[in-house]
Protein backbone atom coordinates (compact mmCIF):
# COMPACT_ATOMS: atom_id res chain seq x y z
CA MET A 1 14.13 -18.51 -10.22
CA LYS A 2 11.51 -17.50 -12.78
CA ARG A 3 9.11 -20.25 -11.70
CA ARG A 4 9.50 -19.34 -8.02
CA THR A 5 9.11 -15.63 -8.76
CA VAL A 6 5.99 -16.12 -10.89
CA SER A 7 4.48 -18.44 -8.27
CA ALA A 8 5.23 -15.91 -5.52
CA LEU A 9 3.74 -13.14 -7.65
CA LEU A 10 0.51 -15.08 -8.19
CA TRP A 11 0.08 -15.81 -4.50
CA LYS A 12 0.88 -12.20 -3.61
CA PHE A 13 -1.71 -11.06 -6.14
CA PHE A 14 -4.30 -13.46 -4.71
CA GLU A 15 -3.51 -12.22 -1.21
CA ARG A 16 -3.85 -8.55 -2.15
CA GLY A 17 -6.89 -9.17 -4.33
CA GLY A 18 -8.69 -11.32 -1.77
CA ARG A 19 -8.05 -8.78 0.93
CA ALA A 20 -9.23 -5.89 -1.23
CA VAL A 21 -12.49 -7.55 -2.28
CA ILE A 22 -13.45 -8.59 1.24
CA GLU A 23 -12.38 -5.23 2.71
CA LEU A 24 -14.43 -3.44 0.06
CA VAL A 25 -17.56 -5.29 1.14
CA VAL A 26 -16.81 -4.65 4.82
CA GLN A 27 -16.06 -0.95 4.29
CA VAL A 28 -19.20 -0.42 2.24
CA VAL A 29 -21.32 -1.95 5.01
CA MET A 30 -19.56 -0.01 7.76
CA ALA A 31 -19.73 3.26 5.81
CA ARG A 32 -23.51 2.86 5.76
CA LEU A 33 -23.63 2.07 9.48
CA LEU A 34 -21.20 4.71 10.77
CA ALA A 35 -20.83 8.48 10.36
CA PRO A 36 -18.03 10.35 8.52
CA ASP A 37 -16.92 11.68 11.94
CA ASP A 38 -16.10 8.11 13.06
CA PHE A 39 -13.86 7.55 10.04
CA GLY A 40 -12.23 10.92 10.60
CA ALA A 41 -11.47 10.00 14.23
CA LEU A 42 -10.00 6.67 13.08
CA ALA A 43 -7.77 8.48 10.60
CA ILE A 44 -6.39 10.66 13.41
CA MET A 45 -5.69 7.61 15.61
CA LEU A 46 -4.05 5.73 12.75
CA VAL A 47 -1.53 8.55 12.42
CA PHE A 48 0.04 7.56 15.75
CA VAL A 49 -0.26 3.82 15.09
CA ASN A 50 1.26 4.03 11.59
CA VAL A 51 4.18 6.15 12.75
CA GLY A 52 4.69 3.73 15.63
CA ASN A 53 4.70 0.74 13.28
CA VAL A 54 7.47 2.33 11.21
CA ILE A 55 9.57 2.79 14.35
CA VAL A 56 8.84 -0.75 15.57
CA GLN A 57 10.03 -2.26 12.30
CA SER A 58 12.94 0.22 12.03
CA GLY A 59 13.69 -1.00 8.50
CA LEU A 60 14.92 -4.24 10.05
CA ASN A 61 12.37 -6.46 8.29
CA THR A 62 13.67 -5.21 4.92
CA ALA A 63 17.24 -5.68 6.17
CA LEU A 64 16.44 -9.34 6.89
CA VAL A 65 15.09 -9.81 3.36
CA GLN A 66 17.98 -7.99 1.72
CA SER A 67 20.81 -9.60 3.69
CA SER A 68 22.35 -12.64 2.01
CA GLU A 69 23.61 -13.93 5.40
CA ALA A 70 20.52 -13.67 7.63
CA ASP A 71 19.90 -16.76 9.79
CA GLU A 72 17.63 -17.85 12.67
CA GLY A 73 19.67 -15.88 15.18
CA ASP A 74 19.26 -12.69 13.15
CA PHE A 75 15.49 -13.12 13.04
CA SER A 76 15.36 -13.53 16.84
CA THR A 77 17.64 -10.52 17.32
CA VAL A 78 15.35 -8.34 15.22
CA PHE A 79 12.28 -9.63 17.07
CA TRP A 80 13.61 -8.70 20.52
CA MET A 81 14.66 -5.27 19.30
CA SER A 82 11.22 -4.66 17.78
CA LEU A 83 9.39 -5.94 20.86
CA ALA A 84 11.32 -3.63 23.20
CA VAL A 85 10.65 -0.63 20.97
CA SER A 86 6.94 -1.49 20.69
CA ALA A 87 6.56 -1.68 24.47
CA VAL A 88 8.12 1.77 24.93
CA LEU A 89 5.97 3.27 22.16
CA TYR A 90 2.78 1.76 23.54
CA ALA A 91 3.49 3.28 26.94
CA ALA A 92 4.08 6.67 25.28
CA VAL A 93 0.80 6.51 23.32
CA PHE A 94 -1.10 5.35 26.40
CA LEU A 95 0.11 8.34 28.40
CA ALA A 96 -0.36 10.84 25.55
CA ALA A 97 -3.87 9.72 24.55
CA PRO A 98 -5.80 12.23 26.74
CA ALA A 99 -3.71 15.12 25.36
CA VAL A 100 -4.42 14.02 21.78
CA ALA A 101 -8.15 13.82 22.54
CA ALA A 102 -8.12 17.28 24.08
CA PHE A 103 -6.16 18.81 21.15
CA TYR A 104 -8.81 17.65 18.67
CA HIS A 105 -11.70 18.38 21.04
CA MET A 106 -12.73 14.72 20.98
CA GLY A 107 -12.95 13.62 24.59
CA HIS A 108 -14.07 10.13 23.56
CA LEU A 109 -10.82 9.48 21.63
CA ALA A 110 -8.47 8.57 24.50
CA TRP A 111 -9.45 4.96 25.27
CA PRO A 112 -10.04 3.91 21.63
CA LEU A 113 -6.53 5.21 20.85
CA ARG A 114 -5.06 3.27 23.76
CA ALA A 115 -6.76 0.08 22.56
CA LEU A 116 -5.75 0.56 18.93
CA ALA A 117 -2.11 1.12 19.89
CA LEU A 118 -1.89 -2.53 21.01
CA VAL A 119 -1.35 -3.20 17.30
CA LEU A 120 2.23 -1.99 17.83
CA VAL A 121 3.06 -4.91 20.13
CA VAL A 122 1.48 -7.47 17.78
CA ASN A 123 3.39 -6.05 14.82
CA ALA A 124 6.72 -6.63 16.52
CA TYR A 125 6.16 -10.33 15.89
CA ASN A 126 4.18 -10.03 12.67
CA ALA A 127 6.83 -7.98 10.85
CA VAL A 128 9.45 -10.67 11.41
CA GLN A 129 7.03 -13.36 10.20
CA VAL A 130 6.41 -11.44 6.99
CA ALA A 131 10.16 -10.91 6.48
CA TRP A 132 10.66 -14.69 6.72
CA VAL A 133 7.92 -15.28 4.15
CA GLN A 134 9.34 -12.67 1.77
CA ARG A 135 12.84 -14.07 2.07
CA GLU A 136 11.66 -17.60 1.28
CA LEU A 137 9.20 -16.42 -1.43
CA GLU A 138 6.45 -18.35 0.42
CA PHE A 139 3.68 -15.85 -0.31
CA ARG A 140 0.99 -18.52 -0.20
CA LYS A 141 1.24 -18.39 3.58
CA VAL A 142 0.57 -14.64 3.58
CA PHE A 143 -2.45 -15.24 1.34
CA THR A 144 -3.98 -17.67 3.82
CA ALA A 145 -3.32 -15.40 6.80
CA THR A 146 -4.63 -12.31 5.04
CA VAL A 147 -7.91 -13.85 3.90
CA ALA A 148 -8.56 -15.34 7.34
CA SER A 149 -7.82 -12.07 9.14
CA VAL A 150 -9.87 -9.91 6.75
CA VAL A 151 -12.91 -12.19 7.11
CA ALA A 152 -12.62 -12.42 10.89
CA SER A 153 -11.98 -8.71 11.45
CA GLY A 154 -14.74 -7.76 9.02
CA ALA A 155 -17.24 -9.88 10.94
CA VAL A 156 -16.10 -8.35 14.24
CA GLY A 157 -16.31 -4.79 12.90
CA ILE A 158 -19.74 -5.17 11.28
CA ALA A 159 -21.18 -6.90 14.36
CA ALA A 160 -19.85 -4.11 16.60
CA ALA A 161 -21.22 -1.42 14.26
CA ILE A 162 -24.67 -3.03 14.20
CA ALA A 163 -24.56 -3.19 18.00
CA GLY A 164 -24.04 0.60 18.03
CA ALA A 165 -20.37 0.62 19.07
CA GLY A 166 -19.57 3.56 16.77
CA LEU A 167 -15.84 4.35 16.73
CA TRP A 168 -15.10 1.24 18.80
CA ALA A 169 -16.33 -0.89 15.88
CA LEU A 170 -13.51 0.47 13.70
CA VAL A 171 -10.99 -0.07 16.52
CA ALA A 172 -12.16 -3.67 17.00
CA GLN A 173 -11.85 -4.31 13.28
CA GLN A 174 -8.28 -2.97 13.06
CA LEU A 175 -7.07 -4.76 16.18
CA SER A 176 -8.68 -8.13 15.40
CA TYR A 177 -7.22 -8.06 11.88
CA GLN A 178 -3.65 -7.81 13.14
CA ILE A 179 -4.10 -10.42 15.89
CA VAL A 180 -5.70 -13.01 13.59
CA ASN A 181 -3.09 -12.37 10.89
CA CYS A 182 -0.28 -12.99 13.36
CA LEU A 183 -1.87 -16.18 14.73
CA VAL A 184 -2.54 -17.70 11.30
CA LEU A 185 1.00 -16.93 10.13
CA ALA A 186 2.38 -18.46 13.34
CA ALA A 187 0.55 -21.69 12.48
CA GLN A 188 2.29 -21.82 9.08
CA VAL A 189 5.72 -20.24 9.52
CA PRO A 190 8.25 -22.54 11.26
CA TRP A 191 10.26 -19.65 12.70
CA ARG A 192 9.89 -18.97 16.41
CA PRO A 193 11.78 -16.42 18.52
CA HIS A 194 14.64 -17.81 20.59
CA LEU A 195 16.50 -16.31 23.53
CA VAL A 196 19.22 -15.08 21.20
CA PHE A 197 20.43 -11.52 20.79
CA ARG A 198 23.58 -10.80 18.79
CA VAL A 199 24.77 -7.28 19.39
CA SER A 200 27.16 -7.30 16.41
CA ARG A 201 24.45 -8.46 13.98
CA ALA A 202 21.95 -6.03 15.48
CA CYS A 203 24.36 -3.21 14.69
CA GLU A 204 24.96 -4.48 11.14
CA LEU A 205 21.27 -4.88 10.37
CA PHE A 206 20.45 -1.53 11.92
CA SER A 207 23.19 0.17 9.89
CA PHE A 208 21.12 -0.77 6.83
CA GLY A 209 17.71 -0.42 8.47
CA TRP A 210 18.09 2.98 10.15
CA LYS A 211 18.05 4.72 6.77
CA LEU A 212 14.82 2.94 5.91
CA LEU A 213 13.51 3.88 9.35
CA ALA A 214 14.23 7.53 8.68
CA SER A 215 12.76 7.23 5.18
CA GLY A 216 9.66 5.49 6.53
CA LEU A 217 9.19 8.12 9.21
CA LEU A 218 9.45 10.85 6.60
CA ASP A 219 6.95 9.17 4.31
CA THR A 220 4.48 8.14 7.02
CA GLY A 221 4.90 11.44 8.81
CA TYR A 222 4.20 13.34 5.60
CA ARG A 223 1.05 11.34 4.87
CA SER A 224 0.00 11.54 8.50
CA LEU A 225 0.59 15.28 8.64
CA SER A 226 -2.17 15.83 6.10
CA ASP A 227 -4.64 13.90 8.28
CA LEU A 228 -3.61 15.86 11.37
CA VAL A 229 -3.90 19.16 9.52
CA ILE A 230 -7.29 18.38 7.96
CA GLY A 231 -8.66 17.16 11.29
CA LYS A 232 -7.52 20.35 13.04
CA GLN A 233 -7.74 23.01 10.30
CA PHE A 234 -11.01 21.84 8.76
CA SER A 235 -13.16 19.17 10.47
CA ALA A 236 -13.42 15.49 11.36
CA SER A 237 -16.17 15.08 8.75
CA GLN A 238 -13.96 16.57 6.03
CA LEU A 239 -11.18 14.24 7.12
CA GLY A 240 -13.63 11.35 6.87
CA TYR A 241 -14.40 12.27 3.25
CA VAL A 242 -10.71 12.58 2.36
CA SER A 243 -9.94 9.31 4.16
CA GLN A 244 -12.68 7.44 2.26
CA GLY A 245 -11.57 9.03 -1.00
CA ASN A 246 -8.07 7.71 -0.40
CA ARG A 247 -9.00 4.28 0.95
CA TYR A 248 -10.35 2.64 -2.20
CA PRO A 249 -7.74 3.82 -4.76
CA GLN A 250 -5.04 2.88 -2.25
CA ALA A 251 -6.55 -0.60 -1.88
CA LEU A 252 -6.62 -1.07 -5.66
CA GLY A 253 -3.02 0.09 -5.96
CA SER A 254 -1.94 -2.34 -3.25
CA VAL A 255 -3.61 -5.22 -5.09
CA LEU A 256 -1.81 -4.60 -8.37
CA ASP A 257 1.45 -2.78 -7.74
CA GLY A 258 1.70 -4.03 -4.15
CA ALA A 259 1.68 -7.63 -5.36
CA ILE A 260 4.57 -7.09 -7.77
CA GLN A 261 6.97 -4.98 -5.71
CA PRO A 262 7.58 -7.22 -2.62
CA VAL A 263 8.28 -10.13 -4.97
CA MET A 264 10.64 -7.97 -7.00
CA LEU A 265 12.52 -6.99 -3.81
CA SER A 266 13.07 -10.65 -2.94
CA ALA A 267 14.02 -11.63 -6.50
CA VAL A 268 16.46 -8.75 -7.04
CA SER A 269 18.04 -9.33 -3.62
CA ARG A 270 18.94 -12.86 -4.74
CA VAL A 271 20.69 -11.75 -7.94
CA GLN A 272 22.03 -8.33 -6.90
CA ASP A 273 25.55 -9.22 -8.11
CA ASP A 274 24.33 -9.69 -11.70
CA LEU A 275 23.59 -6.12 -12.79
CA SER A 276 22.22 -6.99 -16.23
CA TYR A 277 19.79 -9.46 -14.68
CA VAL A 278 18.75 -6.90 -12.07
CA ARG A 279 18.04 -4.35 -14.81
CA ARG A 280 15.86 -6.86 -16.70
CA LEU A 281 13.88 -7.65 -13.55
CA VAL A 282 13.35 -3.97 -12.73
CA ARG A 283 12.24 -3.13 -16.28
CA ARG A 284 9.87 -6.07 -16.33
CA ALA A 285 8.36 -5.06 -12.99
CA LEU A 286 7.83 -1.46 -14.13
CA LYS A 287 6.30 -2.38 -17.50
CA THR A 288 3.98 -5.00 -16.05
CA SER A 289 2.92 -2.92 -13.08
CA CYS A 290 2.20 0.19 -15.16
CA TYR A 291 0.29 -1.84 -17.76
CA LEU A 292 -2.01 -3.19 -15.02
CA VAL A 293 -2.27 -0.25 -12.62
CA MET A 294 -2.79 2.70 -14.97
CA PRO A 295 -5.97 1.54 -16.78
CA CYS A 296 -7.52 0.33 -13.52
CA MET A 297 -6.92 3.66 -11.78
CA THR A 298 -8.19 5.57 -14.81
CA LEU A 299 -11.38 3.49 -14.92
CA PHE A 300 -11.85 3.95 -11.16
CA ALA A 301 -11.63 7.75 -11.55
CA LEU A 302 -14.07 7.60 -14.46
CA CYS A 303 -16.66 5.64 -12.45
CA ALA A 304 -16.08 7.35 -9.08
CA GLU A 305 -19.37 9.23 -8.79
CA PRO A 306 -21.77 6.38 -9.65
CA LEU A 307 -19.66 3.99 -7.56
CA VAL A 308 -19.83 6.17 -4.45
CA ARG A 309 -23.55 6.84 -4.89
CA MET A 310 -24.35 3.14 -5.40
CA LEU A 311 -22.08 1.62 -2.74
CA LEU A 312 -21.68 4.22 0.01
CA GLY A 313 -24.78 6.35 -0.43
CA GLU A 314 -25.55 9.99 -1.19
CA GLN A 315 -24.04 11.19 2.12
CA TRP A 316 -20.56 10.23 0.84
CA LEU A 317 -20.69 12.10 -2.52
CA PRO A 318 -18.35 14.87 -1.20
CA CYS A 319 -15.52 12.30 -1.31
CA VAL A 320 -15.79 11.83 -5.13
CA PHE A 321 -13.33 14.60 -6.01
CA PHE A 322 -10.79 13.30 -3.50
CA MET A 323 -11.20 9.78 -4.86
CA GLN A 324 -10.52 10.92 -8.43
CA VAL A 325 -7.40 12.84 -7.44
CA TYR A 326 -6.07 9.85 -5.48
CA CYS A 327 -6.77 7.55 -8.45
CA LEU A 328 -4.55 9.68 -10.68
CA THR A 329 -1.94 9.94 -7.93
CA TYR A 330 -1.80 6.17 -7.40
CA ALA A 331 -1.60 5.60 -11.15
CA LEU A 332 2.00 6.81 -10.78
CA LEU A 333 2.69 4.30 -8.00
CA PRO A 334 4.63 1.78 -10.16
CA ILE A 335 7.27 4.37 -11.05
CA HIS A 336 7.85 5.23 -7.40
CA THR A 337 7.85 1.75 -5.93
CA THR A 338 9.85 0.04 -8.69
CA ASN A 339 12.74 2.47 -8.37
CA LEU A 340 12.68 2.53 -4.56
CA GLN A 341 12.47 -1.26 -4.20
CA ALA A 342 15.37 -1.62 -6.64
CA LEU A 343 17.49 0.64 -4.44
CA ASN A 344 16.55 -1.35 -1.35
CA ALA A 345 17.31 -4.67 -3.03
CA MET A 346 20.72 -3.38 -4.12
CA GLY A 347 21.47 -2.33 -0.54
CA ARG A 348 21.34 1.41 -1.28
CA SER A 349 19.16 2.50 1.61
CA ASP A 350 21.34 5.62 1.83
CA LEU A 351 20.01 6.83 -1.52
CA PHE A 352 16.49 5.86 -0.45
CA LEU A 353 16.80 8.22 2.53
CA LYS A 354 18.18 11.08 0.46
CA LEU A 355 15.30 10.80 -1.98
CA GLU A 356 12.77 10.90 0.86
CA LEU A 357 14.36 14.05 2.28
CA VAL A 358 14.11 15.81 -1.08
CA LYS A 359 10.53 14.71 -1.78
CA LYS A 360 9.19 15.54 1.64
CA ALA A 361 10.75 19.01 1.55
CA TYR A 362 8.65 20.19 -1.38
CA GLY A 363 5.70 18.00 -0.38
CA VAL A 364 5.40 19.64 3.05
CA ALA A 365 5.79 23.07 1.47
CA PHE A 366 2.86 22.43 -0.88
CA LEU A 367 0.77 21.02 1.98
CA LEU A 368 1.35 23.97 4.33
CA VAL A 369 0.69 26.59 1.65
CA THR A 370 -2.58 25.01 0.50
CA ALA A 371 -3.81 24.31 4.05
CA PHE A 372 -2.81 27.46 5.95
CA VAL A 373 -2.31 30.13 3.27
CA LEU A 374 -4.93 29.18 0.67
CA GLN A 375 -7.01 27.31 3.30
CA ASP A 376 -8.57 24.99 0.73
CA VAL A 377 -8.79 21.24 1.36
CA TYR A 378 -9.42 20.58 -2.34
CA LEU A 379 -6.21 22.33 -3.35
CA MET A 380 -4.45 20.54 -0.52
CA VAL A 381 -5.40 17.10 -1.83
CA GLY A 382 -4.73 18.24 -5.40
CA SER A 383 -1.18 19.14 -4.38
CA TYR A 384 -0.52 15.44 -3.75
CA LEU A 385 -0.90 14.81 -7.48
CA VAL A 386 1.56 17.59 -8.30
CA THR A 387 3.98 16.16 -5.74
CA GLY A 388 3.55 12.68 -7.23
CA VAL A 389 4.38 13.86 -10.76
CA ILE A 390 7.54 15.65 -9.62
CA SER A 391 8.53 12.62 -7.52
CA THR A 392 8.55 10.28 -10.54
CA PHE A 393 11.68 12.06 -11.72
CA VAL A 394 13.22 12.26 -8.24
CA ASN A 395 12.74 8.54 -7.54
CA ALA A 396 13.99 7.50 -10.98
CA TYR A 397 17.09 9.71 -10.98
CA PRO A 398 19.51 7.35 -9.11
CA SER A 399 18.43 4.26 -11.06
CA LYS A 400 20.61 5.12 -14.05
CA ARG A 401 23.72 4.93 -11.85
CA VAL A 402 22.64 2.00 -9.64
CA VAL A 403 21.03 -0.38 -12.16
CA GLY A 404 21.59 1.36 -15.51
CA TYR A 405 17.94 2.30 -16.04
CA SER A 406 17.46 5.96 -16.93
CA TYR A 407 14.36 8.13 -16.53
CA ALA A 408 14.04 8.51 -20.30
CA GLU A 409 14.01 4.71 -20.70
CA GLN A 410 11.41 4.44 -17.97
CA LEU A 411 9.17 6.99 -19.69
CA ARG A 412 9.40 4.99 -22.91
CA ASP A 413 8.52 1.80 -21.03
CA ILE A 414 5.42 3.28 -19.36
CA ALA A 415 4.24 5.24 -22.40
CA PRO A 416 2.01 2.40 -23.76
CA GLY A 417 0.12 2.13 -20.47
CA VAL A 418 -0.39 5.91 -20.26
CA ALA A 419 -1.47 6.38 -23.89
CA LEU A 420 -3.76 3.35 -24.00
CA SER A 421 -5.39 4.26 -20.66
CA ALA A 422 -6.14 7.79 -21.88
CA ALA A 423 -7.47 6.60 -25.25
CA SER A 424 -9.65 3.89 -23.68
CA ALA A 425 -11.06 6.29 -21.09
CA ALA A 426 -11.94 8.78 -23.85
CA LEU A 427 -13.93 6.04 -25.59
CA ALA A 428 -15.71 5.01 -22.36
CA TRP A 429 -16.52 8.50 -21.02
CA PRO A 430 -19.55 9.18 -23.32
CA VAL A 431 -21.42 6.35 -21.56
CA SER A 432 -21.90 8.71 -18.59
CA LEU A 433 -24.00 11.00 -20.82
CA PHE A 434 -26.73 8.40 -21.32
CA ALA A 435 -28.28 8.92 -17.84
CA LEU A 436 -28.36 5.18 -17.17
CA PRO A 437 -28.74 3.66 -13.69
CA ASP A 438 -25.47 3.74 -11.73
CA ALA A 439 -24.84 -0.02 -11.98
CA ALA A 440 -25.46 -0.02 -15.73
CA THR A 441 -23.16 2.99 -16.22
CA ILE A 442 -20.33 1.35 -14.29
CA ILE A 443 -20.64 -2.00 -16.07
CA LEU A 444 -20.90 -0.47 -19.54
CA GLN A 445 -17.97 1.90 -18.98
CA ALA A 446 -15.85 -0.99 -17.68
CA LEU A 447 -16.75 -3.16 -20.69
CA VAL A 448 -16.05 -0.39 -23.21
CA MET A 449 -12.76 0.62 -21.60
CA GLY A 450 -11.60 -2.97 -21.06
CA ALA A 451 -12.39 -3.97 -24.65
CA ALA A 452 -10.70 -0.85 -26.02
CA TYR A 453 -7.59 -1.30 -23.84
CA LEU A 454 -7.08 -4.97 -24.65
CA GLY A 455 -8.04 -4.52 -28.30
CA LEU A 456 -5.60 -1.67 -28.84
CA SER A 457 -2.92 -3.59 -26.93
CA ARG A 458 -3.30 -6.60 -29.22
CA LEU A 459 -3.45 -4.43 -32.33
CA LEU A 460 -0.28 -2.56 -31.38
CA ARG A 461 1.39 -5.71 -30.00
CA VAL A 462 2.18 -4.11 -26.64
CA GLU A 463 5.06 -5.99 -25.01
CA ALA A 464 3.57 -6.09 -21.51
CA LEU A 465 0.44 -7.88 -22.72
CA GLU A 466 2.47 -10.31 -24.81
CA TYR A 467 4.60 -11.12 -21.76
CA LEU A 468 1.57 -11.66 -19.52
CA LEU A 469 -0.06 -13.96 -22.09
CA ALA A 470 3.17 -15.91 -22.60
CA THR A 471 3.61 -16.30 -18.84
CA ALA A 472 0.02 -17.48 -18.45
CA ARG A 473 0.50 -20.08 -21.21
CA GLU A 474 3.73 -21.23 -19.57
CA ILE A 475 1.99 -21.68 -16.20
CA VAL A 476 -0.91 -23.61 -17.75
CA ALA A 477 1.46 -25.81 -19.74
CA GLY A 478 3.58 -26.48 -16.66
CA ARG A 479 0.58 -27.52 -14.58
CA LYS A 480 -0.71 -29.72 -17.38
CA HIS A 481 2.68 -31.39 -17.66
CA ARG A 482 2.85 -32.02 -13.92
CA ALA A 483 -0.71 -33.41 -13.93
CA GLU A 484 0.15 -35.82 -16.76
CA GLY A 485 3.38 -36.83 -15.05
């Protein structure tokens, strides 16, 4: 189990990392070719697509991973359910597109939205493919599909932007990514949909999945609400700055924490009857994820201004504040995702839903007050950090009862990552006072903070680093042994 889990983790990390690096290059090029208004319009359209994707999946892909009895017939049943839902949703978006365009005073938005919504139909198939890969811990296949789709969609998007397609370049990039990803996975994954639909199993899977559907709608709706409010209450340009400020920290978080959590879900689902083993897996995931995510997010926030100026250009400097706030917000990501994935893996989607209801209640309250009462987009984005801090306790609260892992224990486990990140950043910050070129400032701050973080970790014998080094040695030794054999 450990060998399969570590192998899956490595491939998931490569997949997330490869995607992030290529997407970074593509986004930098497109940000220089397109206007903030185009990215703001895309953010508005993605609200409807992202909410639709949650409904299409309906929590059923996670139900397939979590269920110990899922077979080929179950996968086909879920596919036909998802396909039917996606067709209905696409028709709804198609008809509503002109009204959306009129509401935001963007007459050009209707047809791009209709084209982008085709992603919903593709995802009906893609979500089941990914569930099969997660269940079998075959993350190498996702790596191949992701890299191929990012490269292909990046080329399509950049070519369209150079040709002057404007917003359509972003639509072409999003749509081509999903289509290529689905095709490459289809070439690797042996599962194919059959003309099988089991009503009884559909009901059983949905009894688990509907809670995740409701939770997903709450989460996606909450995040989407901010985009809708900024686009309407402020401006498309301001939304473009907020969207860009969120995009890069989110990508970094998905590389690090996003590589660990799907693997943890699959691993815990396989041993959910052994509570002590589950607790060890959850603790290991939280410690490792925090140790990797927190210093990276802290360094990103530290270097945000020279990074934006060097990569995106002076016209994007208004997004620096938003980027720094999102970096600190995503630094808390491991606490949220570890606890929530543990609940899912243990089959407690009911608790997952209850937590989402609580979090979104105060989250929406903060959002509405800052947007409509205080009318300040900076306070609005800053409220996400406050919400994130409060939510660490909310998400961790049920874990003591479900897996025997209390909030106090979690705080002790993440304390090394928090303290070392803060100390290392304090040592690296003075570099910004030297008035060096942007590239030199970024490189020197990264070197100082990296050396300080690793040096202090070795000096204090931090457990997460010792575990990562031991695992790396084990992998190298195993490969050497297989090569000699």
